[in-house]
Amino acid sequence: MSEDTLIAREQRGNVSVLTMVYRPYNLLGPKLINAIVEGVEQARDGGSRAIVLRSGLRHFSAGADLDIFDKRFDKRVEQGSGDSSSENRRLNGVEFLRFMELLPIPLIASVHGVCLGGGLELALSCDYIIAASSAKIGSVEATLGLHPLLGGIQRQVQRIGALRAKEMSMLARRYDAPTLEKWGLINLTVPEESLEKTTMAIAEEFAQGPTLAHAATKELAHIAVNDGVAAADEAMARVQAPIWASEDLKTGLASFRKNGPGLAKFAGR
């Protein structure tokens, strides 16, 4: 692996595994964001039916690359966000999270070590978060005089409510993964030695499902949490249209009639 490699991509059946190796701590900034976007696009275009995002280093991500703050400090725009036009970004922070959230493929974040600041916002853009029980997770930007800048606050509110979201961002504590599982911020905690095996089992379960139906589920969930249930109701016919034309639906119905529920082998189309 080249020293310049930021993301290593491995294909395991229908699952793409994207491993961040941006030394020393997978600090999130334009370089790593661009590499993640490129890796995700390659996985999507290559027909992957699930994507795992993990770290090959000691930590999942220790937060943002602080160099970008120095560059943006004197380039403020009206509402307090720095102008990122000179940072060689393909997508700005909000665009990046939306790109991940609207990807028509399940994304699984596999977290170990520390997952702080922008690293947590990255994990929150995924559909499923599995963490080692030893992981330490938090929004620690307040220690720098900031708060989560990519959209982490509102995404925490969606998952755990305003009170807990304000606690996380204002007190800047590091929480153990089991606590955040209880709160509903992450999906599952497992012993660190079981993290890879459990991650891949879950990713395979996603990948073996009806991919077009999963894409519709992601889109409707996104509409519901951002625009409300009524908007999701209005969008249902449009969003569900590809399901009715899918090979997977025909396969699922035929398998149910012949063998009962849960035995269909979907092709992802």
Protein backbone atom coordinates (compact mmCIF):
# COMPACT_ATOMS: atom_id res chain seq x y z
CA MET A 1 0.00 0.00 0.00
CA SER A 2 1.35 3.41 -0.99
CA GLU A 3 2.14 5.91 1.74
CA ASP A 4 -0.14 8.34 -0.12
CA THR A 5 -3.13 6.01 0.15
CA LEU A 6 -5.93 7.46 2.27
CA ILE A 7 -8.58 4.79 1.66
CA ALA A 8 -7.95 1.11 0.96
CA ARG A 9 -10.82 -0.62 -0.84
CA GLU A 10 -11.43 -4.34 -0.63
CA GLN A 11 -14.27 -6.28 -2.22
CA ARG A 12 -15.74 -9.17 -0.24
CA GLY A 13 -18.51 -10.61 -2.36
CA ASN A 14 -21.21 -7.95 -2.64
CA VAL A 15 -19.71 -5.89 0.18
CA SER A 16 -17.12 -3.15 -0.33
CA VAL A 17 -14.87 -2.53 2.65
CA LEU A 18 -13.39 0.97 2.76
CA THR A 19 -10.55 1.21 5.28
CA MET A 20 -9.33 4.68 6.24
CA VAL A 21 -5.54 4.83 6.59
CA TYR A 22 -4.93 8.58 6.68
CA ARG A 23 -2.15 8.80 9.25
CA PRO A 24 -1.89 9.50 12.03
CA TYR A 25 -5.53 9.59 13.16
CA ASN A 26 -7.83 9.77 10.09
CA LEU A 27 -8.36 13.48 10.66
CA LEU A 28 -11.35 14.63 8.65
CA GLY A 29 -10.75 17.39 6.14
CA PRO A 30 -10.97 17.94 2.38
CA LYS A 31 -8.35 15.28 1.56
CA LEU A 32 -10.02 12.48 3.50
CA ILE A 33 -13.55 13.54 2.53
CA ASN A 34 -12.57 13.52 -1.15
CA ALA A 35 -11.03 10.06 -0.76
CA ILE A 36 -14.14 8.70 0.99
CA VAL A 37 -16.41 10.10 -1.72
CA GLU A 38 -14.22 8.55 -4.42
CA GLY A 39 -14.18 5.17 -2.66
CA VAL A 40 -17.95 5.19 -2.12
CA GLU A 41 -18.57 6.14 -5.75
CA GLN A 42 -16.33 3.31 -6.94
CA ALA A 43 -18.18 0.85 -4.72
CA ARG A 44 -21.56 2.10 -5.92
CA ASP A 45 -20.60 2.07 -9.58
CA GLY A 46 -19.04 -1.38 -9.20
CA GLY A 47 -22.35 -2.87 -8.09
CA SER A 48 -21.66 -3.25 -4.37
CA ARG A 49 -24.79 -3.85 -2.33
CA ALA A 50 -23.39 -2.72 1.03
CA ILE A 51 -20.38 -0.63 2.09
CA VAL A 52 -18.40 -0.89 5.32
CA LEU A 53 -16.45 2.17 6.47
CA ARG A 54 -13.78 1.41 9.05
CA SER A 55 -10.26 2.38 10.14
CA GLY A 56 -7.02 0.52 9.63
CA LEU A 57 -5.32 2.65 12.28
CA ARG A 58 -5.51 2.80 16.06
CA HIS A 59 -8.61 5.02 16.01
CA PHE A 60 -11.65 5.36 13.78
CA SER A 61 -11.13 9.12 13.59
CA ALA A 62 -9.81 11.56 16.17
CA GLY A 63 -11.74 14.48 14.67
CA ALA A 64 -11.14 17.26 12.19
CA ASP A 65 -7.89 18.29 10.57
CA LEU A 66 -7.18 21.48 12.53
CA ASP A 67 -5.15 22.95 9.66
CA ILE A 68 -8.39 23.74 7.84
CA PHE A 69 -9.48 26.04 10.67
CA ASP A 70 -6.34 28.14 10.34
CA LYS A 71 -7.00 28.51 6.62
CA ARG A 72 -10.65 29.41 7.10
CA PHE A 73 -10.41 31.61 10.19
CA ASP A 74 -10.22 34.86 8.24
CA LYS A 75 -12.53 33.75 5.42
CA ARG A 76 -15.86 33.93 7.16
CA VAL A 77 -19.14 34.30 5.38
CA GLU A 78 -22.27 35.96 6.62
CA GLN A 79 -23.58 33.13 8.80
CA GLY A 80 -20.29 32.20 10.41
CA SER A 81 -19.16 29.32 8.18
CA GLY A 82 -15.81 29.57 6.49
CA ASP A 83 -15.59 29.75 2.73
CA SER A 84 -14.34 26.33 1.60
CA SER A 85 -13.96 27.24 -2.08
CA SER A 86 -10.17 27.29 -1.90
CA GLU A 87 -9.81 23.97 -0.05
CA ASN A 88 -10.14 21.68 -3.11
CA ARG A 89 -13.30 20.16 -1.70
CA ARG A 90 -15.54 18.14 -3.99
CA LEU A 91 -18.36 18.59 -1.47
CA ASN A 92 -18.77 20.87 1.52
CA GLY A 93 -19.62 19.39 4.91
CA VAL A 94 -23.41 19.32 4.59
CA GLU A 95 -23.22 18.14 0.98
CA PHE A 96 -20.91 15.32 2.07
CA LEU A 97 -23.26 14.09 4.80
CA ARG A 98 -26.22 14.25 2.43
CA PHE A 99 -24.25 12.37 -0.22
CA MET A 100 -23.67 9.58 2.29
CA GLU A 101 -27.21 9.61 3.66
CA LEU A 102 -28.84 9.51 0.23
CA LEU A 103 -26.56 6.86 -1.23
CA PRO A 104 -28.87 4.08 -2.49
CA ILE A 105 -26.73 1.45 -0.75
CA PRO A 106 -26.54 0.61 2.98
CA LEU A 107 -23.52 2.12 4.73
CA ILE A 108 -22.14 0.53 7.89
CA ALA A 109 -19.69 2.36 10.16
CA SER A 110 -17.43 0.03 12.14
CA VAL A 111 -15.92 2.00 15.02
CA HIS A 112 -13.00 1.28 17.32
CA GLY A 113 -10.60 3.42 19.33
CA VAL A 114 -11.75 7.02 19.52
CA CYS A 115 -14.44 8.51 17.31
CA LEU A 116 -14.53 12.22 18.03
CA GLY A 117 -15.79 15.44 16.49
CA GLY A 118 -15.89 15.17 12.71
CA GLY A 119 -15.27 11.44 13.03
CA LEU A 120 -18.57 11.07 14.88
CA GLU A 121 -20.33 13.19 12.27
CA LEU A 122 -18.91 10.85 9.62
CA ALA A 123 -20.24 7.82 11.49
CA LEU A 124 -23.65 9.49 11.88
CA SER A 125 -23.93 9.77 8.10
CA CYS A 126 -24.01 5.97 7.89
CA ASP A 127 -27.12 3.80 8.15
CA TYR A 128 -25.81 1.50 10.85
CA ILE A 129 -23.12 2.09 13.47
CA ILE A 130 -21.45 -0.83 15.20
CA ALA A 131 -18.79 -0.02 17.79
CA ALA A 132 -16.32 -1.88 19.93
CA SER A 133 -17.38 -1.73 23.57
CA SER A 134 -14.01 -0.13 24.33
CA ALA A 135 -14.56 2.75 21.86
CA LYS A 136 -14.74 6.33 23.15
CA ILE A 137 -17.13 8.55 21.24
CA GLY A 138 -18.02 12.21 21.56
CA SER A 139 -18.55 15.68 20.16
CA VAL A 140 -15.58 17.48 21.63
CA GLU A 141 -15.48 20.61 19.47
CA ALA A 142 -16.40 22.86 22.43
CA THR A 143 -12.89 22.30 23.79
CA LEU A 144 -11.67 24.31 20.77
CA GLY A 145 -14.29 27.02 21.11
CA LEU A 146 -16.42 25.44 18.39
CA HIS A 147 -19.33 23.07 18.03
CA PRO A 148 -19.98 20.30 15.45
CA LEU A 149 -19.65 22.01 12.07
CA LEU A 150 -20.78 19.41 9.54
CA GLY A 151 -24.31 18.88 10.83
CA GLY A 152 -23.70 16.61 13.78
CA ILE A 153 -25.89 18.55 16.22
CA GLN A 154 -29.09 18.20 14.21
CA ARG A 155 -28.35 14.57 13.46
CA GLN A 156 -27.88 13.87 17.15
CA VAL A 157 -31.20 15.59 17.84
CA GLN A 158 -32.85 13.25 15.33
CA ARG A 159 -31.50 10.20 17.13
CA ILE A 160 -31.39 11.02 20.84
CA GLY A 161 -33.40 14.22 21.30
CA ALA A 162 -32.43 17.80 22.00
CA LEU A 163 -31.46 17.35 25.66
CA ARG A 164 -28.87 14.64 25.02
CA ALA A 165 -27.65 16.34 21.83
CA LYS A 166 -26.99 19.58 23.73
CA GLU A 167 -25.28 17.63 26.49
CA MET A 168 -22.95 15.94 24.01
CA SER A 169 -22.00 19.10 22.12
CA MET A 170 -21.84 21.53 25.04
CA LEU A 171 -20.08 19.39 27.66
CA ALA A 172 -17.71 17.81 25.09
CA ARG A 173 -17.40 14.54 26.98
CA ARG A 174 -16.15 11.23 25.67
CA TYR A 175 -18.77 8.52 26.15
CA ASP A 176 -18.34 4.77 26.17
CA ALA A 177 -20.06 2.97 23.33
CA PRO A 178 -22.56 0.98 25.48
CA THR A 179 -23.94 4.26 26.88
CA LEU A 180 -24.55 5.64 23.40
CA GLU A 181 -26.14 2.36 22.35
CA LYS A 182 -28.62 2.74 25.23
CA TRP A 183 -29.33 6.32 24.15
CA GLY A 184 -29.98 5.19 20.57
CA LEU A 185 -27.10 7.05 18.92
CA ILE A 186 -25.42 3.85 17.73
CA ASN A 187 -26.95 0.51 16.82
CA LEU A 188 -24.76 -2.11 18.46
CA THR A 189 -21.71 -2.59 20.66
CA VAL A 190 -19.62 -5.75 20.68
CA PRO A 191 -16.31 -6.81 22.24
CA GLU A 192 -13.42 -5.40 20.21
CA GLU A 193 -12.22 -8.87 19.24
CA SER A 194 -15.63 -9.54 17.65
CA LEU A 195 -15.93 -6.23 15.81
CA GLU A 196 -14.74 -7.28 12.37
CA LYS A 197 -16.64 -10.58 12.32
CA THR A 198 -19.89 -9.01 13.51
CA THR A 199 -19.49 -6.05 11.15
CA MET A 200 -19.12 -8.32 8.15
CA ALA A 201 -22.05 -10.50 9.21
CA ILE A 202 -24.29 -7.43 9.42
CA ALA A 203 -22.96 -6.04 6.13
CA GLU A 204 -23.67 -9.37 4.42
CA GLU A 205 -27.21 -9.31 5.80
CA PHE A 206 -27.74 -5.86 4.28
CA ALA A 207 -26.12 -6.92 1.00
CA GLN A 208 -28.30 -10.01 0.64
CA GLY A 209 -31.47 -7.95 0.94
CA PRO A 210 -33.56 -6.28 -1.78
CA THR A 211 -31.27 -3.42 -2.75
CA LEU A 212 -33.89 -1.25 -4.48
CA ALA A 213 -36.24 -1.61 -1.52
CA HIS A 214 -33.38 -0.65 0.82
CA ALA A 215 -32.72 2.45 -1.30
CA ALA A 216 -36.39 3.42 -1.04
CA THR A 217 -36.32 2.89 2.72
CA LYS A 218 -33.29 5.18 3.04
CA GLU A 219 -34.92 7.90 0.94
CA LEU A 220 -38.24 7.81 2.77
CA ALA A 221 -36.51 7.85 6.16
CA HIS A 222 -34.49 10.87 5.03
CA ILE A 223 -37.60 12.70 3.88
CA ALA A 224 -39.49 11.85 7.08
CA VAL A 225 -36.81 13.11 9.47
CA ASN A 226 -36.09 16.25 7.46
CA ASP A 227 -39.48 17.23 6.07
CA GLY A 228 -41.97 15.29 8.19
CA VAL A 229 -44.25 12.30 7.88
CA ALA A 230 -46.71 14.09 5.60
CA ALA A 231 -43.94 14.80 3.08
CA ALA A 232 -42.83 11.18 3.20
CA ASP A 233 -46.43 10.07 2.62
CA GLU A 234 -46.60 12.32 -0.45
CA ALA A 235 -43.32 10.91 -1.78
CA MET A 236 -44.16 7.24 -1.29
CA ALA A 237 -45.56 6.50 -4.74
CA ARG A 238 -42.55 8.05 -6.48
CA VAL A 239 -39.98 6.50 -4.17
CA GLN A 240 -41.55 3.04 -4.27
CA ALA A 241 -42.05 2.93 -8.05
CA PRO A 242 -38.72 1.14 -8.75
CA ILE A 243 -39.64 -1.61 -6.28
CA TRP A 244 -42.71 -2.62 -8.29
CA ALA A 245 -40.58 -3.04 -11.42
CA SER A 246 -37.77 -4.90 -9.65
CA GLU A 247 -36.61 -8.45 -10.22
CA ASP A 248 -36.21 -8.81 -6.45
CA LEU A 249 -39.93 -8.31 -5.84
CA LYS A 250 -40.78 -11.04 -8.34
CA THR A 251 -38.20 -13.30 -6.70
CA GLY A 252 -39.48 -12.56 -3.22
CA LEU A 253 -43.11 -13.24 -4.07
CA ALA A 254 -42.29 -16.45 -5.92
CA SER A 255 -40.09 -17.68 -3.07
CA PHE A 256 -42.76 -16.86 -0.49
CA ARG A 257 -45.41 -18.80 -2.38
CA LYS A 258 -43.14 -21.80 -2.84
CA ASN A 259 -41.04 -21.91 0.36
CA GLY A 260 -42.56 -19.49 2.86
CA PRO A 261 -41.00 -16.29 4.22
CA GLY A 262 -37.31 -15.47 4.54
CA LEU A 263 -35.78 -17.79 1.95
CA ALA A 264 -35.63 -15.57 -1.14
CA LYS A 265 -32.22 -15.00 -2.73
CA PHE A 266 -32.24 -11.47 -4.07
CA ALA A 267 -30.13 -10.27 -6.99
CA GLY A 268 -30.15 -6.61 -5.98
CA ARG A 269 -32.03 -5.38 -9.04
